[in-house]
């Protein structure tokens, strides 16, 4: 299964998400291809130092990350797309319309998973089936009072405290995502 994280520059949120998810998947990580891209990325740019430090703090491995620009091929090849913001999800779907049922903000995907009853997960036996279930049921989970709460702030060139808060938001969502992916692997 291919999991793609998307943010703007592919130097803070999306590589951190990919690295932390890989760490959280633990021994099951080899069953997944976890990668990232950015809607305005400069190909080859290194990961932001502050974001890399947060990745390490959360068990990720930022070594060797290089930014890459999001293309229709990259988006279309993903089985699950997790974005930092709703605008990134819209960009993914615009590039590759068939991703509409596989693209979510990372917080939205975790929120819908959290809202599922154990019985709803009973017939799910693969990660792809899990994504399809979440897509079908995303409209049944009560909406947020403020839709912007599904977005993860951009910490680029902001304080260490902002980087830490953003990393913790991503990591909290990924605990739920990783647990669900491991359970159906």
N, C-alpha and C. Protein backbone atom coordinates (compact mmCIF):
# COMPACT_ATOMS: atom_id res chain seq x y z
N UNK A 1 0.85 -1.18 0.00
CA UNK A 1 0.00 0.00 0.00
C UNK A 1 0.88 1.24 0.00
N UNK A 2 0.52 2.20 -0.84
CA UNK A 2 1.25 3.46 -0.93
C UNK A 2 0.50 4.54 -0.16
N UNK A 3 1.18 5.16 0.81
CA UNK A 3 0.62 6.26 1.58
C UNK A 3 1.43 7.50 1.23
N UNK A 4 0.73 8.55 0.80
CA UNK A 4 1.37 9.79 0.39
C UNK A 4 0.94 10.91 1.32
N UNK A 5 1.92 11.62 1.90
CA UNK A 5 1.66 12.82 2.68
C UNK A 5 1.92 14.03 1.80
N UNK A 6 1.06 15.04 1.90
CA UNK A 6 1.19 16.22 1.06
C UNK A 6 1.06 17.47 1.92
N UNK A 7 1.98 18.41 1.72
CA UNK A 7 1.86 19.75 2.30
C UNK A 7 2.28 20.75 1.22
N UNK A 8 2.74 21.91 1.60
CA UNK A 8 3.12 22.92 0.61
C UNK A 8 4.52 22.67 0.07
N UNK A 9 5.54 22.90 0.90
CA UNK A 9 6.92 22.84 0.44
C UNK A 9 7.59 21.49 0.55
N UNK A 10 6.94 20.53 1.19
CA UNK A 10 7.50 19.19 1.41
C UNK A 10 8.82 19.25 2.18
N UNK A 11 8.89 20.22 3.10
CA UNK A 11 10.09 20.32 3.94
C UNK A 11 9.76 20.32 5.44
N UNK A 12 8.47 20.39 5.80
CA UNK A 12 8.10 20.38 7.21
C UNK A 12 7.06 19.30 7.51
N UNK A 13 5.79 19.61 7.26
CA UNK A 13 4.70 18.74 7.71
C UNK A 13 4.64 17.40 7.01
N UNK A 14 4.72 17.38 5.68
CA UNK A 14 4.55 16.09 4.99
C UNK A 14 5.71 15.13 5.21
N UNK A 15 6.97 15.58 5.18
CA UNK A 15 8.02 14.60 5.49
C UNK A 15 7.96 14.14 6.94
N UNK A 16 7.61 15.05 7.86
CA UNK A 16 7.48 14.66 9.26
C UNK A 16 6.39 13.60 9.39
N UNK A 17 5.25 13.81 8.73
CA UNK A 17 4.17 12.83 8.79
C UNK A 17 4.60 11.47 8.26
N UNK A 18 5.28 11.47 7.12
CA UNK A 18 5.74 10.21 6.52
C UNK A 18 6.72 9.50 7.45
N UNK A 19 7.63 10.25 8.02
CA UNK A 19 8.64 9.64 8.89
C UNK A 19 8.04 9.12 10.19
N UNK A 20 7.12 9.86 10.76
CA UNK A 20 6.51 9.44 12.01
C UNK A 20 5.58 8.25 11.77
N UNK A 21 4.83 8.24 10.67
CA UNK A 21 3.98 7.08 10.38
C UNK A 21 4.85 5.84 10.21
N UNK A 22 5.94 5.96 9.49
CA UNK A 22 6.83 4.81 9.30
C UNK A 22 7.32 4.29 10.65
N UNK A 23 7.69 5.21 11.54
CA UNK A 23 8.15 4.79 12.87
C UNK A 23 7.02 4.12 13.65
N UNK A 24 5.82 4.68 13.57
CA UNK A 24 4.68 4.12 14.31
C UNK A 24 4.24 2.77 13.76
N UNK A 25 4.46 2.52 12.49
CA UNK A 25 4.10 1.22 11.91
C UNK A 25 5.02 0.11 12.41
N UNK A 26 6.20 0.51 12.90
CA UNK A 26 7.13 -0.44 13.49
C UNK A 26 7.47 -1.59 12.56
N UNK A 27 7.36 -2.83 13.04
CA UNK A 27 7.73 -3.99 12.22
C UNK A 27 6.84 -4.17 10.98
N UNK A 28 5.67 -3.53 10.97
CA UNK A 28 4.78 -3.63 9.81
C UNK A 28 5.14 -2.63 8.71
N UNK A 29 6.07 -1.71 8.98
CA UNK A 29 6.42 -0.66 8.02
C UNK A 29 6.79 -1.19 6.63
N UNK A 30 7.53 -2.32 6.51
CA UNK A 30 7.89 -2.79 5.16
C UNK A 30 6.69 -3.14 4.27
N UNK A 31 5.51 -3.31 4.85
CA UNK A 31 4.32 -3.62 4.05
C UNK A 31 3.75 -2.36 3.38
N UNK A 32 4.31 -1.20 3.70
CA UNK A 32 3.80 0.07 3.20
C UNK A 32 4.93 0.85 2.52
N UNK A 33 4.56 1.60 1.48
CA UNK A 33 5.45 2.58 0.88
C UNK A 33 4.91 3.92 1.37
N UNK A 34 5.67 4.60 2.21
CA UNK A 34 5.23 5.86 2.78
C UNK A 34 6.14 6.95 2.23
N UNK A 35 5.53 7.93 1.55
CA UNK A 35 6.30 8.97 0.89
C UNK A 35 5.61 10.31 1.05
N UNK A 36 6.23 11.35 0.52
CA UNK A 36 5.65 12.69 0.65
C UNK A 36 5.99 13.54 -0.57
N UNK A 37 5.21 14.61 -0.73
CA UNK A 37 5.42 15.57 -1.82
C UNK A 37 4.78 16.89 -1.40
N UNK A 38 5.08 17.94 -2.17
CA UNK A 38 4.54 19.26 -1.84
C UNK A 38 3.95 19.96 -3.04
N UNK A 39 2.89 20.72 -2.79
CA UNK A 39 2.19 21.41 -3.86
C UNK A 39 3.01 22.55 -4.47
N UNK A 40 3.96 23.08 -3.71
CA UNK A 40 4.84 24.14 -4.24
C UNK A 40 6.31 23.81 -3.95
N UNK A 41 6.60 22.54 -3.81
CA UNK A 41 7.95 22.11 -3.42
C UNK A 41 8.99 22.44 -4.48
N UNK A 42 10.19 22.72 -4.00
CA UNK A 42 11.35 22.86 -4.87
C UNK A 42 12.08 21.52 -4.80
N UNK A 43 12.06 20.79 -5.92
CA UNK A 43 12.69 19.47 -5.95
C UNK A 43 14.10 19.52 -5.37
N UNK A 44 14.37 18.60 -4.45
CA UNK A 44 15.70 18.46 -3.88
C UNK A 44 15.98 19.28 -2.64
N UNK A 45 15.05 20.15 -2.23
CA UNK A 45 15.28 20.96 -1.03
C UNK A 45 15.35 20.05 0.20
N UNK A 46 16.27 20.34 1.12
CA UNK A 46 16.37 19.52 2.33
C UNK A 46 15.23 19.82 3.29
N UNK A 47 15.03 18.91 4.22
CA UNK A 47 14.01 19.09 5.25
C UNK A 47 14.41 20.25 6.15
N UNK A 48 13.43 21.04 6.56
CA UNK A 48 13.65 22.13 7.49
C UNK A 48 14.25 21.57 8.79
N UNK A 49 15.29 22.22 9.30
CA UNK A 49 15.98 21.72 10.49
C UNK A 49 15.06 21.58 11.70
N UNK A 50 14.19 22.55 11.91
CA UNK A 50 13.29 22.49 13.08
C UNK A 50 12.30 21.34 12.93
N UNK A 51 11.79 21.11 11.72
CA UNK A 51 10.87 19.99 11.49
C UNK A 51 11.61 18.67 11.63
N UNK A 52 12.84 18.61 11.15
CA UNK A 52 13.64 17.39 11.27
C UNK A 52 13.88 17.05 12.74
N UNK A 53 14.13 18.07 13.55
CA UNK A 53 14.34 17.84 14.98
C UNK A 53 13.07 17.26 15.62
N UNK A 54 11.91 17.75 15.21
CA UNK A 54 10.66 17.21 15.74
C UNK A 54 10.44 15.77 15.28
N UNK A 55 10.81 15.48 14.04
CA UNK A 55 10.69 14.11 13.54
C UNK A 55 11.52 13.16 14.40
N UNK A 56 12.75 13.55 14.67
CA UNK A 56 13.64 12.72 15.50
C UNK A 56 13.03 12.55 16.90
N UNK A 57 12.51 13.64 17.45
CA UNK A 57 11.90 13.58 18.79
C UNK A 57 10.76 12.56 18.84
N UNK A 58 10.06 12.42 17.71
CA UNK A 58 8.90 11.53 17.65
C UNK A 58 9.24 10.16 17.07
N UNK A 59 10.54 9.88 16.91
CA UNK A 59 10.95 8.56 16.44
C UNK A 59 11.18 8.43 14.95
N UNK A 60 11.02 9.54 14.22
CA UNK A 60 11.21 9.52 12.77
C UNK A 60 12.67 9.59 12.39
N UNK A 61 12.93 9.36 11.11
CA UNK A 61 14.29 9.41 10.59
C UNK A 61 14.33 10.34 9.38
N UNK A 62 14.73 11.61 9.60
CA UNK A 62 14.73 12.57 8.50
C UNK A 62 15.94 12.47 7.56
N UNK A 63 16.85 11.58 7.85
CA UNK A 63 18.06 11.47 7.04
C UNK A 63 17.75 11.27 5.57
N UNK A 64 18.36 12.09 4.75
CA UNK A 64 18.26 11.93 3.31
C UNK A 64 16.98 12.45 2.68
N UNK A 65 16.06 13.04 3.45
CA UNK A 65 14.85 13.56 2.82
C UNK A 65 15.19 14.67 1.84
N UNK A 66 14.58 14.62 0.68
CA UNK A 66 14.67 15.69 -0.32
C UNK A 66 13.26 15.96 -0.82
N UNK A 67 12.90 17.23 -0.87
CA UNK A 67 11.56 17.63 -1.30
C UNK A 67 11.32 17.23 -2.75
N UNK A 68 10.04 16.98 -3.04
CA UNK A 68 9.66 16.74 -4.43
C UNK A 68 8.31 17.37 -4.69
N UNK A 69 8.18 17.85 -5.90
CA UNK A 69 6.98 18.55 -6.34
C UNK A 69 5.88 17.53 -6.63
N UNK A 70 4.69 17.79 -6.14
CA UNK A 70 3.55 16.90 -6.36
C UNK A 70 3.12 16.94 -7.83
N UNK A 71 3.01 15.76 -8.42
CA UNK A 71 2.53 15.63 -9.79
C UNK A 71 1.29 14.74 -9.81
N UNK A 72 0.60 14.72 -10.93
CA UNK A 72 -0.56 13.86 -11.09
C UNK A 72 -0.18 12.39 -10.95
N UNK A 73 0.99 12.02 -11.45
CA UNK A 73 1.44 10.63 -11.35
C UNK A 73 1.68 10.24 -9.89
N UNK A 74 2.35 11.11 -9.15
CA UNK A 74 2.62 10.84 -7.73
C UNK A 74 1.30 10.72 -6.98
N UNK A 75 0.40 11.67 -7.17
CA UNK A 75 -0.89 11.66 -6.47
C UNK A 75 -1.71 10.44 -6.87
N UNK A 76 -1.76 10.15 -8.16
CA UNK A 76 -2.60 9.07 -8.66
C UNK A 76 -2.13 7.69 -8.26
N UNK A 77 -0.84 7.55 -7.93
CA UNK A 77 -0.32 6.23 -7.58
C UNK A 77 -0.52 5.89 -6.10
N UNK A 78 -1.02 6.83 -5.31
CA UNK A 78 -1.19 6.60 -3.87
C UNK A 78 -2.52 5.91 -3.58
N UNK A 79 -2.48 4.97 -2.64
CA UNK A 79 -3.69 4.30 -2.17
C UNK A 79 -4.37 5.09 -1.06
N UNK A 80 -3.60 5.93 -0.38
CA UNK A 80 -4.11 6.81 0.67
C UNK A 80 -3.28 8.09 0.62
N UNK A 81 -3.97 9.23 0.54
CA UNK A 81 -3.30 10.53 0.54
C UNK A 81 -3.72 11.25 1.82
N UNK A 82 -2.75 11.63 2.61
CA UNK A 82 -2.98 12.37 3.85
C UNK A 82 -2.35 13.74 3.71
N UNK A 83 -3.17 14.78 3.79
CA UNK A 83 -2.67 16.13 3.56
C UNK A 83 -2.65 16.93 4.85
N UNK A 84 -1.85 17.98 4.84
CA UNK A 84 -1.77 18.86 6.01
C UNK A 84 -3.00 19.76 6.11
N UNK A 85 -3.49 20.21 4.96
CA UNK A 85 -4.61 21.15 4.95
C UNK A 85 -5.65 20.74 3.91
N UNK A 86 -6.85 21.27 4.08
CA UNK A 86 -7.92 21.02 3.10
C UNK A 86 -7.52 21.53 1.72
N UNK A 87 -6.78 22.63 1.66
CA UNK A 87 -6.35 23.17 0.36
C UNK A 87 -5.40 22.20 -0.35
N UNK A 88 -4.60 21.47 0.41
CA UNK A 88 -3.71 20.47 -0.20
C UNK A 88 -4.53 19.31 -0.75
N UNK A 89 -5.56 18.91 -0.02
CA UNK A 89 -6.45 17.85 -0.51
C UNK A 89 -7.09 18.29 -1.83
N UNK A 90 -7.55 19.53 -1.88
CA UNK A 90 -8.16 20.04 -3.11
C UNK A 90 -7.16 20.02 -4.26
N UNK A 91 -5.90 20.36 -3.98
CA UNK A 91 -4.87 20.35 -5.03
C UNK A 91 -4.62 18.93 -5.53
N UNK A 92 -4.59 17.97 -4.62
CA UNK A 92 -4.39 16.57 -5.00
C UNK A 92 -5.53 16.10 -5.91
N UNK A 93 -6.76 16.38 -5.50
CA UNK A 93 -7.92 15.94 -6.28
C UNK A 93 -7.98 16.66 -7.62
N UNK A 94 -7.55 17.90 -7.66
CA UNK A 94 -7.51 18.64 -8.92
C UNK A 94 -6.51 18.00 -9.90
N UNK A 95 -5.37 17.60 -9.38
CA UNK A 95 -4.34 16.95 -10.21
C UNK A 95 -4.75 15.54 -10.64
N UNK A 96 -5.35 14.82 -9.73
CA UNK A 96 -5.71 13.42 -9.98
C UNK A 96 -7.11 13.17 -9.43
N UNK A 97 -8.15 13.49 -10.22
CA UNK A 97 -9.53 13.41 -9.71
C UNK A 97 -9.92 12.07 -9.11
N UNK A 98 -9.33 10.99 -9.57
CA UNK A 98 -9.71 9.67 -9.04
C UNK A 98 -9.24 9.47 -7.60
N UNK A 99 -8.44 10.38 -7.09
CA UNK A 99 -8.00 10.27 -5.69
C UNK A 99 -9.03 10.80 -4.71
N UNK A 100 -10.13 11.35 -5.18
CA UNK A 100 -11.11 12.00 -4.30
C UNK A 100 -11.54 11.11 -3.14
N UNK A 101 -11.69 9.80 -3.39
CA UNK A 101 -12.14 8.90 -2.33
C UNK A 101 -10.98 8.36 -1.49
N UNK A 102 -9.75 8.71 -1.83
CA UNK A 102 -8.59 8.24 -1.07
C UNK A 102 -7.80 9.38 -0.44
N UNK A 103 -8.31 10.60 -0.55
CA UNK A 103 -7.59 11.77 -0.05
C UNK A 103 -8.34 12.41 1.11
N UNK A 104 -7.60 12.69 2.17
CA UNK A 104 -8.14 13.24 3.40
C UNK A 104 -7.08 14.15 4.02
N UNK A 105 -7.49 15.08 4.87
CA UNK A 105 -6.47 15.68 5.72
C UNK A 105 -6.11 14.61 6.75
N UNK A 106 -4.91 14.66 7.26
CA UNK A 106 -4.47 13.64 8.22
C UNK A 106 -5.37 13.65 9.46
N UNK A 107 -5.78 14.84 9.88
CA UNK A 107 -6.64 14.93 11.07
C UNK A 107 -8.04 14.41 10.77
N UNK A 108 -8.55 14.65 9.55
CA UNK A 108 -9.87 14.15 9.18
C UNK A 108 -9.87 12.62 9.14
N UNK A 109 -8.85 12.03 8.54
CA UNK A 109 -8.79 10.57 8.45
C UNK A 109 -8.79 9.96 9.85
N UNK A 110 -7.99 10.52 10.74
CA UNK A 110 -7.92 10.02 12.12
C UNK A 110 -9.26 10.23 12.83
N UNK A 111 -9.90 11.35 12.60
CA UNK A 111 -11.18 11.66 13.25
C UNK A 111 -12.26 10.67 12.81
N UNK A 112 -12.31 10.38 11.51
CA UNK A 112 -13.31 9.42 11.02
C UNK A 112 -13.00 8.03 11.58
N UNK A 113 -11.72 7.64 11.58
CA UNK A 113 -11.36 6.34 12.17
C UNK A 113 -11.80 6.26 13.62
N UNK A 114 -11.57 7.33 14.37
CA UNK A 114 -11.96 7.37 15.79
C UNK A 114 -13.46 7.21 15.97
N UNK A 115 -14.24 7.67 14.99
CA UNK A 115 -15.69 7.60 15.09
C UNK A 115 -16.29 6.27 14.68
N UNK A 116 -15.48 5.36 14.16
CA UNK A 116 -16.00 4.07 13.71
C UNK A 116 -16.24 3.14 14.88
N UNK A 117 -17.31 2.37 14.76
CA UNK A 117 -17.61 1.35 15.76
C UNK A 117 -16.84 0.09 15.40
N UNK A 118 -16.46 -0.72 16.39
CA UNK A 118 -15.74 -1.97 16.09
C UNK A 118 -16.47 -2.85 15.07
N UNK A 119 -17.79 -2.87 15.13
CA UNK A 119 -18.56 -3.71 14.20
C UNK A 119 -18.36 -3.24 12.75
N UNK A 120 -18.17 -1.93 12.56
CA UNK A 120 -17.98 -1.39 11.21
C UNK A 120 -16.65 -1.85 10.62
N UNK A 121 -15.70 -2.16 11.48
CA UNK A 121 -14.39 -2.61 11.02
C UNK A 121 -14.33 -4.12 10.85
N UNK A 122 -15.37 -4.82 11.25
CA UNK A 122 -15.38 -6.28 11.25
C UNK A 122 -15.04 -6.92 9.92
N UNK A 123 -15.55 -6.41 8.82
CA UNK A 123 -15.31 -7.03 7.53
C UNK A 123 -14.10 -6.50 6.80
N UNK A 124 -13.34 -5.61 7.43
CA UNK A 124 -12.19 -4.99 6.77
C UNK A 124 -10.95 -5.87 6.99
N UNK A 125 -10.34 -6.29 5.89
CA UNK A 125 -9.17 -7.17 6.03
C UNK A 125 -7.91 -6.66 5.33
N UNK A 126 -7.99 -5.49 4.66
CA UNK A 126 -6.80 -4.91 4.02
C UNK A 126 -6.79 -3.41 4.25
N UNK A 127 -5.62 -2.80 4.17
CA UNK A 127 -5.56 -1.33 4.30
C UNK A 127 -6.39 -0.62 3.24
N UNK A 128 -6.44 -1.16 2.04
CA UNK A 128 -7.23 -0.54 0.97
C UNK A 128 -8.72 -0.56 1.31
N UNK A 129 -9.18 -1.67 1.90
CA UNK A 129 -10.58 -1.74 2.33
C UNK A 129 -10.86 -0.74 3.45
N UNK A 130 -9.87 -0.53 4.31
CA UNK A 130 -10.02 0.45 5.39
C UNK A 130 -10.21 1.85 4.81
N UNK A 131 -9.40 2.21 3.82
CA UNK A 131 -9.51 3.52 3.19
C UNK A 131 -10.88 3.67 2.53
N UNK A 132 -11.35 2.63 1.85
CA UNK A 132 -12.66 2.68 1.21
C UNK A 132 -13.78 2.85 2.25
N UNK A 133 -13.65 2.17 3.38
CA UNK A 133 -14.64 2.31 4.45
C UNK A 133 -14.66 3.74 4.99
N UNK A 134 -13.50 4.29 5.27
CA UNK A 134 -13.43 5.66 5.79
C UNK A 134 -14.01 6.63 4.77
N UNK A 135 -13.74 6.42 3.49
CA UNK A 135 -14.29 7.29 2.45
C UNK A 135 -15.82 7.22 2.44
N UNK A 136 -16.36 6.00 2.56
CA UNK A 136 -17.82 5.84 2.55
C UNK A 136 -18.47 6.49 3.77
N UNK A 137 -17.79 6.41 4.91
CA UNK A 137 -18.40 6.86 6.16
C UNK A 137 -18.00 8.27 6.58
N UNK A 138 -17.16 8.93 5.80
CA UNK A 138 -16.69 10.25 6.23
C UNK A 138 -17.84 11.23 6.42
N UNK A 139 -18.90 11.09 5.65
CA UNK A 139 -20.04 11.98 5.78
C UNK A 139 -20.94 11.67 6.97
N UNK A 140 -20.74 10.53 7.60
CA UNK A 140 -21.59 10.15 8.73
C UNK A 140 -21.01 10.61 10.08
N UNK A 141 -19.76 11.04 10.07
CA UNK A 141 -19.14 11.54 11.30
C UNK A 141 -19.54 13.01 11.46
N UNK A 142 -20.00 13.39 12.63
CA UNK A 142 -20.44 14.78 12.82
C UNK A 142 -19.34 15.77 12.39
N UNK A 143 -19.73 16.82 11.65
CA UNK A 143 -18.74 17.79 11.18
C UNK A 143 -18.19 18.61 12.35
N UNK A 144 -17.04 19.15 12.13
CA UNK A 144 -16.43 20.03 13.13
C UNK A 144 -17.15 21.38 13.11
N UNK A 145 -17.18 22.04 14.25
CA UNK A 145 -17.78 23.38 14.31
C UNK A 145 -17.03 24.32 13.37
N UNK A 146 -15.71 24.16 13.31
CA UNK A 146 -14.87 24.96 12.42
C UNK A 146 -14.09 24.00 11.52
N UNK A 147 -14.43 23.92 10.22
CA UNK A 147 -13.73 23.00 9.32
C UNK A 147 -12.20 23.18 9.32
N UNK A 148 -11.73 24.38 9.64
CA UNK A 148 -10.29 24.63 9.68
C UNK A 148 -9.60 23.79 10.76
N UNK A 149 -10.37 23.23 11.69
CA UNK A 149 -9.77 22.39 12.72
C UNK A 149 -9.21 21.09 12.14
N UNK A 150 -9.57 20.76 10.89
CA UNK A 150 -8.98 19.59 10.22
C UNK A 150 -7.63 19.92 9.59
N UNK A 151 -7.24 21.19 9.59
CA UNK A 151 -5.96 21.62 9.02
C UNK A 151 -4.86 21.60 10.07
N UNK A 152 -3.63 21.39 9.60
CA UNK A 152 -2.45 21.47 10.46
C UNK A 152 -1.68 22.73 10.04
N UNK A 153 -1.46 23.64 10.97
CA UNK A 153 -0.76 24.89 10.67
C UNK A 153 0.61 24.65 10.04
N UNK A 154 1.02 25.61 9.21
CA UNK A 154 2.36 25.56 8.62
C UNK A 154 3.35 26.16 9.62
N UNK A 155 4.31 25.36 10.11
CA UNK A 155 5.25 25.88 11.10
C UNK A 155 6.49 26.55 10.49
N UNK A 156 6.59 26.56 9.17
CA UNK A 156 7.82 27.03 8.52
C UNK A 156 8.18 28.44 8.97
N UNK A 157 9.44 28.59 9.40
CA UNK A 157 10.01 29.86 9.88
C UNK A 157 9.28 30.42 11.09
N UNK A 158 8.71 29.53 11.87
CA UNK A 158 8.04 29.94 13.10
C UNK A 158 8.80 29.38 14.29
N UNK A 159 8.31 29.62 15.47
CA UNK A 159 9.01 29.27 16.71
C UNK A 159 9.14 27.76 16.90
N UNK A 160 10.07 27.40 17.77
CA UNK A 160 10.23 26.00 18.16
C UNK A 160 8.93 25.49 18.78
N UNK A 161 8.27 26.32 19.58
CA UNK A 161 7.01 25.91 20.20
C UNK A 161 5.95 25.59 19.14
N UNK A 162 5.92 26.36 18.07
CA UNK A 162 4.96 26.10 16.99
C UNK A 162 5.30 24.78 16.30
N UNK A 163 6.58 24.57 16.02
CA UNK A 163 6.99 23.29 15.40
C UNK A 163 6.61 22.11 16.29
N UNK A 164 6.80 22.26 17.59
CA UNK A 164 6.48 21.18 18.51
C UNK A 164 4.97 20.93 18.55
N UNK A 165 4.17 21.99 18.60
CA UNK A 165 2.71 21.84 18.62
C UNK A 165 2.22 21.15 17.35
N UNK A 166 2.72 21.59 16.20
CA UNK A 166 2.33 21.01 14.91
C UNK A 166 2.73 19.53 14.85
N UNK A 167 3.94 19.23 15.27
CA UNK A 167 4.42 17.85 15.26
C UNK A 167 3.56 16.97 16.17
N UNK A 168 3.19 17.51 17.32
CA UNK A 168 2.36 16.74 18.25
C UNK A 168 0.96 16.50 17.68
N UNK A 169 0.40 17.48 16.95
CA UNK A 169 -0.91 17.30 16.31
C UNK A 169 -0.83 16.18 15.26
N UNK A 170 0.21 16.22 14.45
CA UNK A 170 0.38 15.19 13.42
C UNK A 170 0.58 13.82 14.08
N UNK A 171 1.43 13.77 15.09
CA UNK A 171 1.72 12.51 15.76
C UNK A 171 0.48 11.92 16.42
N UNK A 172 -0.36 12.76 17.03
CA UNK A 172 -1.58 12.28 17.67
C UNK A 172 -2.50 11.64 16.63
N UNK A 173 -2.64 12.26 15.49
CA UNK A 173 -3.47 11.69 14.43
C UNK A 173 -2.87 10.38 13.93
N UNK A 174 -1.55 10.33 13.85
CA UNK A 174 -0.90 9.15 13.29
C UNK A 174 -0.92 7.94 14.22
N UNK A 175 -1.09 8.15 15.50
CA UNK A 175 -1.27 7.02 16.41
C UNK A 175 -2.52 6.25 15.98
N UNK A 176 -3.59 6.97 15.74
CA UNK A 176 -4.86 6.36 15.32
C UNK A 176 -4.70 5.70 13.95
N UNK A 177 -4.08 6.41 13.01
CA UNK A 177 -3.90 5.88 11.65
C UNK A 177 -3.04 4.63 11.66
N UNK A 178 -1.90 4.69 12.33
CA UNK A 178 -0.99 3.53 12.36
C UNK A 178 -1.64 2.32 13.01
N UNK A 179 -2.34 2.55 14.11
CA UNK A 179 -3.02 1.43 14.77
C UNK A 179 -4.02 0.77 13.84
N UNK A 180 -4.79 1.58 13.10
CA UNK A 180 -5.80 1.04 12.20
C UNK A 180 -5.15 0.30 11.03
N UNK A 181 -4.09 0.87 10.46
CA UNK A 181 -3.41 0.21 9.34
C UNK A 181 -2.78 -1.10 9.78
N UNK A 182 -2.16 -1.12 10.94
CA UNK A 182 -1.55 -2.36 11.43
C UNK A 182 -2.61 -3.43 11.70
N UNK A 183 -3.78 -3.01 12.19
CA UNK A 183 -4.83 -3.96 12.54
C UNK A 183 -5.40 -4.69 11.34
N UNK A 184 -5.31 -4.07 10.15
CA UNK A 184 -5.90 -4.70 8.95
C UNK A 184 -4.84 -5.18 7.97
N UNK A 185 -3.59 -5.16 8.38
CA UNK A 185 -2.53 -5.59 7.48
C UNK A 185 -2.48 -7.08 7.37
